[in-house]
Amino acid sequence: MIKSLLFLFTVLLFTNISTAQTFKPVYGATGFESIQSDSWGNDILVSNGTPSGQMSIVSRPNGEVFVAVPDTTPGFSLRIYKSTNFGETFSLFPTGIQPGGMLIPKTKMVRSGLDSIYCSFMYNDTLYIWNVESNNFGVFTTVTVNDYDITASSTGGVYIIVDERVDRATRLYGLTNGGASFGTTVFLSSNGANPKMRFSNSGDTTVINYRGPVHVDTNKSRIRTVRYRESAPGTLAITGSFSDVVADSTIYKDQFQSVAYNGTIWTFFTQGLSPNRVLKCRTSTNYGLSYNPEFIVAGDAGHDNYWFDANIYKFGSGGVDLVYYNDTTSTYVLNYTSNSIGTPETFGTPLAVNDYETALSSNSAIPQITEFYDAGGDVGVIYLGYNTGPESGIYYDRLTAITNIHTGNGIVNSYELKQNYPNPFNPSTKIAFSIPKNGFTSLKVYDMVGREIATLLSKDLQSGNYEVDFNGSKLSSGVYFYQLISSDFVEVKKMMLVK
């Protein structure tokens, strides 16, 4: 085992916490080790086995994807898997967290405005922050932690919000220098739990939620909200008032999360107990000064809608992407839906995106969304699923243009790009084509001004007949073009989306 040449750097503060484990990043390989499965369908295997805690994901516009998985490799307690091609293949990152055998219940990855990738994780009641590329590593020793969240601003500031284990106080800490030192500390509540925060699309305003005051049954507590704005890297100042976005303390709410885009806030939460959990939402169009009545996003009697994740997308006019589990069939499905800022309470028809049966885990394995914020508005998701028999694994799928490639039989004598059908379509259509010889093939979608909207296919194909499913649920009505390139063959056709 090659020990890391990078050492455990500055401990954030020097308060002694007896439960802290001496974790450190250590090289686990001399380079990338491929774990790509040869038998995946449309979903891509990231890691075999069930994680010991909550996995997390983050990405860059250039197609890099990082997935943090607790306890997946012998000798380590946390490993990172990386893709450089928008998730088409994943490799084991050379550095992981040792010692092995430690049960890490939660990870959270973020990308800062300075393009640094951070992985935070908890062990017992101590929080750790790791820059996975520079290997800078810090231990948060100010207080013992019951729960936390972490986010990053457009300036490179990193912020953590913690639910203190001893007195249940909720505090916000601004980090500078990649977590080496603190900016300001903000006191939020003397009786709070399960804090969450997410920056808006502007990158300087964050919406904070937490439970409080804490009920005897924590999951029945009210859900509070407040808004803060960055005044300097590592420093946040309040810009709104505290309010109860979900005030009923008699109902069970096991999950909640807010996201914000250009003054519109979506606050999602589950309500009820299994097998009747309903996914609800409240929206605000004035940055939280007032909220509209709650409405049901997904819910029907006798079925569970739960374990969700949401994030904003910046494509077009902008909006929100949402994934969640639904058990209306014997094989639990991972549903995807979205809406735009112009119609914040109108979600599209949910679309099941998982190829494999979703798996449940007592260690928590809630699906996680990542937004690339690239020109095509691409988005991906990871989830825990079963391939065959009892074997489970973490799978990845891209959601912006949900694409299924079907191979047909027969001998092909010439290139052909067929007209999509149905056409006009809403929101899905099929595009069929034929190639007579093996070669690199791409199929892309463009708008009226020639901007690339989606890459449906970009890989080597064998000769044959193919059919691709394209979903335009995040696009506005209008005329679009799709282009096939294979060897020296190029053809473009027009299609129309009508909503």
Protein backbone atom coordinates (compact mmCIF):
# COMPACT_ATOMS: atom_id res chain seq x y z
CA MET A 1 0.00 0.00 0.00
CA ILE A 2 1.46 3.30 -1.04
CA LYS A 3 0.92 5.85 1.72
CA SER A 4 -0.23 9.27 0.70
CA LEU A 5 2.46 11.85 0.09
CA LEU A 6 -0.10 14.40 1.18
CA PHE A 7 -0.46 14.71 4.95
CA LEU A 8 -3.41 15.40 7.21
CA PHE A 9 -3.24 19.15 7.10
CA THR A 10 -4.61 21.81 9.43
CA VAL A 11 -7.20 20.71 12.00
CA LEU A 12 -9.88 23.34 11.86
CA LEU A 13 -10.10 24.05 15.60
CA PHE A 14 -8.30 22.24 18.37
CA THR A 15 -11.10 21.37 20.79
CA ASN A 16 -10.51 17.74 21.82
CA ILE A 17 -13.29 15.33 20.96
CA SER A 18 -12.69 11.85 22.28
CA THR A 19 -14.86 10.14 19.68
CA ALA A 20 -12.91 11.51 16.72
CA GLN A 21 -11.29 8.83 14.56
CA THR A 22 -7.92 9.46 12.91
CA PHE A 23 -9.08 9.26 9.30
CA LYS A 24 -6.79 10.16 6.44
CA PRO A 25 -6.77 10.00 2.66
CA VAL A 26 -4.48 7.23 1.39
CA TYR A 27 -3.58 6.04 -2.09
CA GLY A 28 -5.29 2.78 -2.90
CA ALA A 29 -3.92 2.31 -6.42
CA THR A 30 -1.26 3.72 -8.71
CA GLY A 31 -3.90 4.88 -11.16
CA PHE A 32 -7.53 4.44 -12.07
CA GLU A 33 -8.89 0.94 -11.62
CA SER A 34 -11.80 0.19 -13.92
CA ILE A 35 -14.85 -1.39 -12.30
CA GLN A 36 -17.09 -0.97 -15.32
CA SER A 37 -19.54 -3.81 -15.85
CA ASP A 38 -19.83 -5.33 -19.32
CA SER A 39 -23.46 -6.33 -18.81
CA TRP A 40 -25.18 -3.08 -17.89
CA GLY A 41 -28.22 -2.00 -19.82
CA ASN A 42 -29.11 1.67 -20.02
CA ASP A 43 -28.07 2.19 -16.39
CA ILE A 44 -24.38 2.11 -15.53
CA LEU A 45 -22.88 0.24 -12.60
CA VAL A 46 -20.80 2.54 -10.39
CA SER A 47 -20.06 0.24 -7.46
CA ASN A 48 -20.99 -3.29 -6.43
CA GLY A 49 -22.62 -3.94 -3.06
CA THR A 50 -24.70 -1.92 -0.62
CA PRO A 51 -23.07 1.18 0.89
CA SER A 52 -22.81 1.43 4.67
CA GLY A 53 -24.31 4.93 4.58
CA GLN A 54 -25.66 7.67 2.33
CA MET A 55 -23.77 7.95 -0.96
CA SER A 56 -23.47 11.30 -2.76
CA ILE A 57 -22.64 12.71 -6.20
CA VAL A 58 -21.31 15.91 -7.79
CA SER A 59 -20.28 16.84 -11.33
CA ARG A 60 -18.63 19.43 -13.54
CA PRO A 61 -19.83 20.89 -16.88
CA ASN A 62 -16.95 19.11 -18.66
CA GLY A 63 -18.54 15.72 -17.96
CA GLU A 64 -16.61 14.75 -14.84
CA VAL A 65 -18.70 12.94 -12.22
CA PHE A 66 -17.62 12.06 -8.67
CA VAL A 67 -19.51 9.56 -6.52
CA ALA A 68 -18.70 9.04 -2.82
CA VAL A 69 -19.51 5.56 -1.49
CA PRO A 70 -19.02 4.56 2.17
CA ASP A 71 -17.25 1.24 2.81
CA THR A 72 -17.02 -0.39 -0.61
CA THR A 73 -13.39 -1.52 -0.86
CA PRO A 74 -11.47 -3.72 1.63
CA GLY A 75 -9.12 -1.63 3.77
CA PHE A 76 -11.05 1.59 3.26
CA SER A 77 -14.12 3.20 4.81
CA LEU A 78 -14.92 5.55 1.93
CA ARG A 79 -14.05 5.45 -1.76
CA ILE A 80 -14.60 7.85 -4.64
CA TYR A 81 -15.59 6.74 -8.14
CA LYS A 82 -14.97 9.08 -11.05
CA SER A 83 -16.21 9.40 -14.62
CA THR A 84 -14.76 11.71 -17.26
CA ASN A 85 -17.46 11.12 -19.90
CA PHE A 86 -20.75 12.19 -18.28
CA GLY A 87 -21.07 8.85 -16.52
CA GLU A 88 -20.71 6.44 -19.43
CA THR A 89 -17.94 4.66 -17.49
CA PHE A 90 -16.68 4.95 -13.91
CA SER A 91 -13.28 4.22 -12.41
CA LEU A 92 -12.09 3.86 -8.84
CA PHE A 93 -10.36 7.04 -7.69
CA PRO A 94 -6.79 6.34 -6.52
CA THR A 95 -7.25 7.95 -3.10
CA GLY A 96 -9.68 6.76 -0.41
CA ILE A 97 -10.24 7.21 3.30
CA GLN A 98 -8.54 4.91 5.83
CA PRO A 99 -8.69 3.13 8.23
CA GLY A 100 -11.11 0.55 6.94
CA GLY A 101 -14.10 -0.97 8.67
CA MET A 102 -15.55 2.30 10.00
CA LEU A 103 -19.28 2.75 9.38
CA ILE A 104 -19.76 6.18 7.84
CA PRO A 105 -23.50 6.96 7.90
CA LYS A 106 -23.52 10.02 5.64
CA THR A 107 -21.50 11.66 2.88
CA LYS A 108 -22.17 14.89 1.00
CA MET A 109 -20.18 16.11 -2.00
CA VAL A 110 -20.14 19.72 -3.24
CA ARG A 111 -18.38 21.68 -5.97
CA SER A 112 -17.33 25.21 -5.07
CA GLY A 113 -17.36 28.25 -7.35
CA LEU A 114 -13.58 27.86 -7.61
CA ASP A 115 -14.15 24.37 -9.05
CA SER A 116 -12.87 22.45 -6.02
CA ILE A 117 -14.55 19.12 -5.24
CA TYR A 118 -15.20 18.51 -1.54
CA CYS A 119 -16.40 15.33 0.13
CA SER A 120 -17.73 15.70 3.67
CA PHE A 121 -18.63 12.76 5.90
CA MET A 122 -19.58 11.88 9.47
CA TYR A 123 -18.21 9.26 11.80
CA ASN A 124 -19.95 8.98 15.19
CA ASP A 125 -20.39 12.66 16.12
CA THR A 126 -17.46 14.15 14.22
CA LEU A 127 -17.49 15.83 10.82
CA TYR A 128 -14.68 15.60 8.24
CA ILE A 129 -14.06 17.64 5.09
CA TRP A 130 -11.84 16.36 2.28
CA ASN A 131 -10.76 18.06 -0.94
CA VAL A 132 -10.57 14.92 -3.05
CA GLU A 133 -8.20 16.30 -5.69
CA SER A 134 -5.73 18.26 -3.55
CA ASN A 135 -6.07 15.79 -0.65
CA ASN A 136 -6.39 18.60 1.87
CA PHE A 137 -8.23 17.15 4.83
CA GLY A 138 -9.83 18.80 7.86
CA VAL A 139 -11.62 17.74 11.04
CA PHE A 140 -14.44 19.88 12.40
CA THR A 141 -13.85 19.81 16.14
CA THR A 142 -15.84 22.82 17.34
CA VAL A 143 -18.84 20.82 18.56
CA THR A 144 -20.12 17.26 18.43
CA VAL A 145 -22.51 16.82 15.52
CA ASN A 146 -25.85 15.03 15.37
CA ASP A 147 -26.54 15.94 11.73
CA TYR A 148 -25.22 18.43 9.18
CA ASP A 149 -25.37 19.77 5.64
CA ILE A 150 -22.74 21.45 3.49
CA THR A 151 -22.92 23.74 0.47
CA ALA A 152 -20.65 26.05 -1.53
CA SER A 153 -21.03 29.51 -3.03
CA SER A 154 -19.99 30.94 -6.39
CA THR A 155 -17.02 32.72 -4.76
CA GLY A 156 -15.51 29.50 -3.40
CA GLY A 157 -16.89 29.88 0.10
CA VAL A 158 -17.87 26.61 1.80
CA TYR A 159 -20.54 26.51 4.52
CA ILE A 160 -21.61 23.85 6.97
CA ILE A 161 -24.75 23.89 9.09
CA VAL A 162 -24.83 21.58 12.10
CA ASP A 163 -27.33 20.17 14.56
CA GLU A 164 -25.34 19.92 17.79
CA ARG A 165 -25.57 16.59 19.54
CA VAL A 166 -25.39 17.92 23.12
CA ASP A 167 -28.02 20.69 23.19
CA ARG A 168 -29.68 20.42 19.71
CA ALA A 169 -28.62 23.97 18.83
CA THR A 170 -28.40 24.75 15.11
CA ARG A 171 -25.44 26.82 13.93
CA LEU A 172 -23.99 27.84 10.59
CA TYR A 173 -20.23 28.02 9.98
CA GLY A 174 -18.47 29.71 7.09
CA LEU A 175 -15.25 28.08 5.95
CA THR A 176 -12.42 29.72 4.05
CA ASN A 177 -9.19 28.39 2.57
CA GLY A 178 -10.87 25.15 1.63
CA GLY A 179 -11.90 24.42 5.21
CA ALA A 180 -8.62 25.40 6.88
CA SER A 181 -10.18 28.25 8.84
CA PHE A 182 -13.54 29.80 9.69
CA GLY A 183 -15.26 33.02 8.79
CA THR A 184 -18.33 33.96 10.78
CA THR A 185 -20.48 31.70 12.94
CA VAL A 186 -24.26 32.18 12.83
CA PHE A 187 -26.59 31.00 15.59
CA LEU A 188 -29.93 29.87 14.16
CA SER A 189 -31.82 28.01 16.87
CA SER A 190 -31.42 26.67 20.39
CA ASN A 191 -33.72 23.76 19.57
CA GLY A 192 -33.32 22.56 16.01
CA ALA A 193 -32.63 19.35 14.10
CA ASN A 194 -31.69 17.97 10.67
CA PRO A 195 -30.57 21.26 9.05
CA LYS A 196 -30.37 21.62 5.28
CA MET A 197 -29.13 24.38 3.02
CA ARG A 198 -28.80 24.94 -0.73
CA PHE A 199 -27.51 27.92 -2.71
CA SER A 200 -29.70 29.42 -5.41
CA ASN A 201 -28.66 29.74 -9.06
CA SER A 202 -27.02 33.11 -8.33
CA GLY A 203 -24.53 31.34 -6.08
CA ASP A 204 -24.67 33.97 -3.33
CA THR A 205 -28.01 33.27 -1.63
CA THR A 206 -28.81 30.16 0.38
CA VAL A 207 -32.15 28.84 1.62
CA ILE A 208 -31.93 27.10 5.00
CA ASN A 209 -34.39 24.62 6.50
CA TYR A 210 -34.40 22.79 9.81
CA ARG A 211 -36.85 21.17 12.22
CA GLY A 212 -37.73 23.26 15.21
CA PRO A 213 -38.65 23.43 17.93
CA VAL A 214 -37.86 19.74 18.14
CA HIS A 215 -40.93 17.62 18.88
CA VAL A 216 -40.84 14.50 21.08
CA ASP A 217 -41.08 12.69 17.76
CA THR A 218 -38.46 14.62 15.77
CA ASN A 219 -40.06 13.83 12.42
CA LYS A 220 -43.27 15.58 13.47
CA SER A 221 -41.48 18.86 14.21
CA ARG A 222 -42.27 22.00 12.24
CA ILE A 223 -40.06 22.76 9.24
CA ARG A 224 -38.58 26.25 9.49
CA THR A 225 -37.00 28.31 6.74
CA VAL A 226 -34.80 31.39 6.45
CA ARG A 227 -32.65 32.99 3.77
CA TYR A 228 -29.04 34.18 4.04
CA ARG A 229 -26.79 35.97 1.55
CA GLU A 230 -23.03 35.92 1.23
CA SER A 231 -21.40 39.28 2.02
CA ALA A 232 -17.82 37.96 1.70
CA PRO A 233 -16.34 34.48 1.17
CA GLY A 234 -17.02 32.55 4.36
CA THR A 235 -19.54 35.10 5.68
CA LEU A 236 -23.35 34.99 5.45
CA ALA A 237 -25.84 37.66 6.54
CA ILE A 238 -29.58 37.22 7.05
CA THR A 239 -31.78 38.65 4.28
CA GLY A 240 -35.20 37.38 5.34
CA SER A 241 -37.16 36.42 8.41
CA PHE A 242 -37.61 33.01 10.03
CA SER A 243 -40.93 31.33 9.24
CA ASP A 244 -42.63 27.94 9.39
CA VAL A 245 -42.94 26.61 5.86
CA VAL A 246 -44.64 23.48 7.28
CA ALA A 247 -46.29 24.43 10.58
CA ASP A 248 -48.28 21.26 11.37
CA SER A 249 -46.55 19.40 14.22
CA THR A 250 -49.03 16.51 14.20
CA ILE A 251 -48.03 14.98 10.86
CA TYR A 252 -45.02 12.77 10.18
CA LYS A 253 -42.46 14.33 7.79
CA ASP A 254 -39.42 12.12 7.38
CA GLN A 255 -37.71 14.16 4.62
CA PHE A 256 -37.61 17.77 3.40
CA GLN A 257 -35.50 19.95 1.09
CA SER A 258 -35.69 23.42 -0.49
CA VAL A 259 -34.18 24.64 -3.77
CA ALA A 260 -34.30 28.16 -5.23
CA TYR A 261 -34.05 29.76 -8.66
CA ASN A 262 -34.44 33.50 -9.48
CA GLY A 263 -36.64 34.23 -6.49
CA THR A 264 -38.73 31.05 -6.75
CA ILE A 265 -38.37 28.54 -3.91
CA TRP A 266 -39.63 24.98 -3.93
CA THR A 267 -39.85 23.29 -0.51
CA PHE A 268 -40.48 19.55 -0.85
CA PHE A 269 -41.46 17.28 2.02
CA THR A 270 -42.94 13.84 2.59
CA GLN A 271 -46.05 13.42 4.71
CA GLY A 272 -47.43 10.35 6.45
CA LEU A 273 -46.23 6.86 7.24
CA SER A 274 -45.61 3.84 5.04
CA PRO A 275 -47.44 2.63 3.00
CA ASN A 276 -49.16 5.98 2.45
CA ARG A 277 -46.36 8.53 2.24
CA VAL A 278 -47.16 11.48 0.00
CA LEU A 279 -44.63 13.82 -1.58
CA LYS A 280 -45.77 17.44 -1.21
CA CYS A 281 -44.43 20.89 -2.03
CA ARG A 282 -44.89 24.56 -1.15
CA THR A 283 -43.65 27.29 -3.46
CA SER A 284 -42.73 30.92 -3.03
CA THR A 285 -42.26 33.33 -5.93
CA ASN A 286 -40.89 36.20 -3.81
CA TYR A 287 -37.87 34.51 -2.26
CA GLY A 288 -39.70 33.29 0.81
CA LEU A 289 -41.58 36.42 1.88
CA SER A 290 -44.76 34.36 1.49
CA TYR A 291 -45.60 30.80 0.46
CA ASN A 292 -48.42 29.39 -1.61
CA PRO A 293 -50.59 26.57 -0.21
CA GLU A 294 -49.09 23.09 -0.20
CA PHE A 295 -49.91 20.72 -3.06
CA ILE A 296 -49.31 17.05 -3.83
CA VAL A 297 -46.48 16.28 -6.24
CA ALA A 298 -46.87 12.50 -6.00
CA GLY A 299 -49.30 10.49 -3.91
CA ASP A 300 -52.08 7.95 -4.11
CA ALA A 301 -53.79 5.88 -1.44
CA GLY A 302 -51.97 2.75 -0.41
CA HIS A 303 -48.69 3.62 -2.10
CA ASP A 304 -45.46 5.19 -0.96
CA ASN A 305 -43.80 8.18 -2.62
CA TYR A 306 -40.60 8.92 -0.75
CA TRP A 307 -36.77 9.05 -0.75
CA PHE A 308 -36.51 12.04 -3.05
CA ASP A 309 -33.85 14.50 -4.18
CA ALA A 310 -34.31 17.81 -5.99
CA ASN A 311 -32.07 20.39 -7.59
CA ILE A 312 -32.40 23.39 -9.86
CA TYR A 313 -31.55 23.29 -13.54
CA LYS A 314 -30.38 26.37 -15.46
CA PHE A 315 -31.27 25.17 -18.95
CA GLY A 316 -33.67 27.44 -20.85
CA SER A 317 -35.71 29.54 -18.43
CA GLY A 318 -34.62 27.33 -15.52
CA GLY A 319 -36.59 25.17 -13.12
CA VAL A 320 -36.34 22.17 -10.85
CA ASP A 321 -35.53 18.47 -11.40
CA LEU A 322 -36.98 15.88 -9.01
CA VAL A 323 -36.48 12.14 -8.50
CA TYR A 324 -38.29 9.92 -5.99
CA TYR A 325 -39.19 6.31 -5.22
CA ASN A 326 -42.70 5.08 -5.96
CA ASP A 327 -44.03 1.61 -5.07
CA THR A 328 -47.11 1.44 -7.31
CA THR A 329 -45.63 -1.68 -8.92
CA SER A 330 -43.99 -4.72 -7.35
CA THR A 331 -40.69 -3.34 -8.63
CA TYR A 332 -40.25 0.02 -6.94
CA VAL A 333 -39.57 2.63 -9.61
CA LEU A 334 -37.32 5.67 -9.54
CA ASN A 335 -39.48 8.41 -11.01
CA TYR A 336 -38.17 11.56 -12.65
CA THR A 337 -40.14 14.73 -13.24
CA SER A 338 -39.45 18.44 -13.61
CA ASN A 339 -41.05 21.83 -14.03
CA SER A 340 -40.01 25.30 -15.13
CA ILE A 341 -39.86 28.56 -13.24
CA GLY A 342 -42.82 29.85 -15.27
CA THR A 343 -45.10 27.08 -13.95
CA PRO A 344 -43.52 26.14 -10.61
CA GLU A 345 -46.45 24.01 -9.45
CA THR A 346 -46.94 22.06 -12.68
CA PHE A 347 -44.82 18.92 -12.85
CA GLY A 348 -44.57 16.75 -15.93
CA THR A 349 -45.79 13.18 -16.12
CA PRO A 350 -43.37 11.09 -14.03
CA LEU A 351 -41.05 8.86 -16.01
CA ALA A 352 -39.45 5.73 -14.53
CA VAL A 353 -35.73 5.86 -15.26
CA ASN A 354 -34.36 2.78 -13.47
CA ASP A 355 -33.50 -0.34 -15.46
CA TYR A 356 -33.05 -2.40 -12.30
CA GLU A 357 -35.30 -2.94 -9.31
CA THR A 358 -34.59 -0.30 -6.71
CA ALA A 359 -33.17 -1.54 -3.43
CA LEU A 360 -33.93 -0.35 0.09
CA SER A 361 -31.27 -0.09 2.77
CA SER A 362 -31.49 0.48 6.50
CA ASN A 363 -28.27 2.49 6.15
CA SER A 364 -30.03 5.01 3.89
CA ALA A 365 -29.33 5.04 0.19
CA ILE A 366 -31.56 7.88 -0.99
CA PRO A 367 -31.19 8.60 -4.73
CA GLN A 368 -29.08 11.68 -5.45
CA ILE A 369 -29.25 14.13 -8.36
CA THR A 370 -26.34 15.96 -9.94
CA GLU A 371 -26.64 18.86 -12.37
CA PHE A 372 -23.86 19.37 -14.92
CA TYR A 373 -24.94 22.93 -15.75
CA ASP A 374 -23.57 22.40 -19.24
CA ALA A 375 -24.91 23.81 -22.49
CA GLY A 376 -27.31 20.90 -22.92
CA GLY A 377 -28.81 21.05 -19.43
CA ASP A 378 -27.70 17.52 -18.60
CA VAL A 379 -28.54 15.91 -15.25
CA GLY A 380 -27.73 12.53 -13.70
CA VAL A 381 -28.86 10.41 -10.77
CA ILE A 382 -27.45 7.57 -8.66
CA TYR A 383 -29.59 4.96 -6.91
CA LEU A 384 -29.23 1.59 -5.19
CA GLY A 385 -30.60 -1.25 -7.28
CA TYR A 386 -30.62 -5.02 -7.86
CA ASN A 387 -29.22 -6.49 -11.05
CA THR A 388 -29.86 -10.22 -10.68
CA GLY A 389 -30.81 -12.12 -7.55
CA PRO A 390 -29.67 -10.61 -4.27
CA GLU A 391 -26.72 -8.72 -5.76
CA SER A 392 -27.07 -4.98 -5.24
CA GLY A 393 -25.07 -2.06 -6.57
CA ILE A 394 -25.07 1.68 -7.07
CA TYR A 395 -26.29 2.59 -10.57
CA TYR A 396 -26.12 5.81 -12.53
CA ASP A 397 -28.41 7.16 -15.23
CA ARG A 398 -28.55 10.40 -17.20
CA LEU A 399 -31.93 12.08 -17.16
CA THR A 400 -31.93 15.17 -19.37
CA ALA A 401 -32.49 13.24 -22.57
CA ILE A 402 -33.52 9.84 -21.26
CA THR A 403 -32.33 7.58 -24.01
CA ASN A 404 -32.90 3.89 -24.70
CA ILE A 405 -31.10 2.31 -27.63
CA HIS A 406 -32.81 -0.68 -29.21
CA THR A 407 -30.98 -2.89 -31.68
CA GLY A 408 -32.90 -4.46 -34.55
CA ASN A 409 -32.19 -7.53 -36.69
CA GLY A 410 -31.50 -7.77 -40.39
CA ILE A 411 -28.77 -6.96 -42.89
CA VAL A 412 -28.24 -3.25 -43.54
CA ASN A 413 -27.07 -2.17 -46.99
CA SER A 414 -27.15 1.62 -46.66
CA TYR A 415 -27.19 4.50 -44.19
CA GLU A 416 -30.62 5.86 -43.29
CA LEU A 417 -32.00 8.34 -40.76
CA LYS A 418 -35.76 7.98 -40.46
CA GLN A 419 -38.35 10.57 -39.46
CA ASN A 420 -39.05 10.50 -35.74
CA TYR A 421 -42.39 9.15 -34.59
CA PRO A 422 -44.70 10.35 -33.30
CA ASN A 423 -44.17 13.76 -34.80
CA PRO A 424 -45.28 16.20 -33.45
CA PHE A 425 -44.56 14.69 -30.02
CA ASN A 426 -45.13 15.44 -26.31
CA PRO A 427 -42.88 14.75 -24.53
CA SER A 428 -41.32 11.56 -25.99
CA THR A 429 -40.51 10.36 -29.48
CA LYS A 430 -38.51 7.63 -31.22
CA ILE A 431 -35.70 8.12 -33.74
CA ALA A 432 -34.69 5.17 -35.91
CA PHE A 433 -31.60 4.86 -38.09
CA SER A 434 -29.49 2.25 -39.90
CA ILE A 435 -25.74 1.99 -40.42
CA PRO A 436 -24.21 -0.57 -42.86
CA LYS A 437 -20.77 -0.78 -41.25
CA ASN A 438 -19.13 -0.52 -37.86
CA GLY A 439 -18.02 2.92 -36.77
CA PHE A 440 -18.23 5.81 -34.34
CA THR A 441 -21.76 7.20 -34.42
CA SER A 442 -23.33 10.29 -32.90
CA LEU A 443 -26.95 11.40 -32.71
CA LYS A 444 -27.56 14.92 -31.42
CA VAL A 445 -30.48 17.32 -31.04
CA TYR A 446 -30.28 21.06 -31.83
CA ASP A 447 -32.64 24.00 -31.46
CA MET A 448 -33.65 26.51 -34.15
CA VAL A 449 -30.52 28.63 -33.70
CA GLY A 450 -28.15 25.67 -33.84
CA ARG A 451 -27.43 25.22 -30.13
CA GLU A 452 -26.82 21.64 -29.09
CA ILE A 453 -29.68 20.50 -26.84
CA ALA A 454 -28.83 16.87 -26.18
CA THR A 455 -26.41 14.14 -27.14
CA LEU A 456 -28.49 10.98 -27.52
CA LEU A 457 -25.65 8.79 -28.75
CA SER A 458 -21.88 9.12 -29.03
CA LYS A 459 -20.11 5.77 -29.23
CA ASP A 460 -18.83 3.00 -31.50
CA LEU A 461 -21.67 0.92 -32.96
CA GLN A 462 -21.82 -2.31 -34.90
CA SER A 463 -23.62 -2.30 -38.24
CA GLY A 464 -27.38 -2.70 -37.83
CA ASN A 465 -30.74 -1.04 -37.25
CA TYR A 466 -31.21 1.14 -34.17
CA GLU A 467 -34.00 3.02 -32.45
CA VAL A 468 -33.48 5.71 -29.80
CA ASP A 469 -36.04 7.12 -27.36
CA PHE A 470 -35.83 10.87 -26.79
CA ASN A 471 -37.60 12.73 -24.00
CA GLY A 472 -38.15 16.49 -24.34
CA SER A 473 -39.98 17.10 -21.07
CA LYS A 474 -37.61 19.97 -20.13
CA LEU A 475 -37.82 21.66 -23.54
CA SER A 476 -40.29 24.31 -24.63
CA SER A 477 -42.62 23.83 -27.60
CA GLY A 478 -41.01 24.43 -30.97
CA VAL A 479 -39.05 23.04 -33.88
CA TYR A 480 -35.89 21.01 -33.22
CA PHE A 481 -33.38 19.23 -35.45
CA TYR A 482 -31.66 15.89 -34.97
CA GLN A 483 -28.41 15.00 -36.73
CA LEU A 484 -26.86 11.58 -37.35
CA ILE A 485 -23.13 11.30 -38.08
CA SER A 486 -21.55 7.89 -38.77
CA SER A 487 -18.27 7.50 -40.67
CA ASP A 488 -18.68 9.88 -43.65
CA PHE A 489 -22.51 9.90 -43.50
CA VAL A 490 -24.30 13.02 -42.19
CA GLU A 491 -28.04 13.69 -42.25
CA VAL A 492 -30.35 16.11 -40.45
CA LYS A 493 -34.11 15.94 -39.96
CA LYS A 494 -36.67 18.21 -38.31
CA MET A 495 -39.11 17.38 -35.52
CA MET A 496 -41.70 19.35 -33.57
CA LEU A 497 -42.46 19.38 -29.84
CA VAL A 498 -45.99 20.55 -28.98
CA LYS A 499 -47.02 20.92 -25.34
